[in-house]
Amino acid sequence: KTWGALGVTYTGPGAAPAPPAGKPKFEEKKPKDGFDGAVNPPWQMVPMSGQKTVILKNADNLTVVSRNPGIATVEDDPKCFVHGGRELIIKGKTKGTTFIDVKNGATTVASLEVAVKTKKTVQASFHLVEDNAGHKTSRTTSSIDGWVKTMNDIFLPQANIQVTKKRAISVKINKDLGAVVRFSSHLPGVPASEHEWDLVIAKGDASADFNVFFVWEYEQDINPNHDDTDAGTLGKNCIFEDHAGTNVGDTLAHELGHTLGVNDFYGATEKPLLMYGITDQRGQKIPKAHANTMNP
């Protein structure tokens, strides 16, 4: 019997036996902190000159060592934990990959792959677009710092990538872009004058790593009058419409993920990922493969 309200577990006659200890297992200490438990061995990103904590279960009397302490060191947090396991503090020393091994005598019974990453800085410039016919974005510069903070909340702990706002300005395009700004050069039979992407991105910041252009409406398929697209990113340029859902910071982070080399994913199991392709249905998780592409 368990007296849950008292936090007391009855262990006398008739109580359920304790489950077997099982194999040693690494787990994340907190979500979206650079741990990937879906790969084998599990993986943890550690920032250079920084540290991360992971949980290790079922390893009470086992030894934990780093294969290369020049890349990453490991030490036990000496406290007792409610989860009953150990907590390991891993410190990043130099850029590279190593493993934390759990040993029973000379035998390695579990490992954690550790990638120590240097900080990658992405300088982002933001542009509020208007044309010469009265079309303009409804967004304002006052929102941008909050979106940059969301991007950093996603990227820094998981991939050691920091986004900095380089500039946030209004830009005017001396043409009537119409009700929809289009990328259409890849579509057969669409007049060349409909392709407005190049006019917009010409107003970008050549020295930025990521240029965002906020427009009223953006489309890139054959049916511009049906709202199928929230944003489009090619190279380091992103056109982002006013109707791009509610989680704007998440969607900007997703678009930056394209600039950093990762494509969209649409599998049902991939919904927790930042790079899941559907706006406002995606999560913020950056798994090992994506982190290593974004910040190798």
Foldseek 3Di string as FASTA:
>chain_A
DQPVVVPDGDDDPPGDDDDDQDFKAKAAPDPLQAWDVVDVPTEGEAEAQGKGKIWIGSQVPWDKAKPDVQAKGKDWPPDQDPVRTTMIIIHGHDADKTKIFTDDVPDTRGIYIYGYFYAAEFEEEEEWEDEPPGFTAPDDPVCVVVLQVLLCVLCCSHQNYHYDYPYYYYDYQHDPLPPEAECEPVPPPDDPVNHCVVSQCVPFDPPGQAYEYEGAHYDYDPDRVDRPDQWDDDQRYIYGHNVQDDSVSLVVSLNVLVNLPDAADDDPVQQQDSRHPHGPSHHRHQHPVSSVSNGD
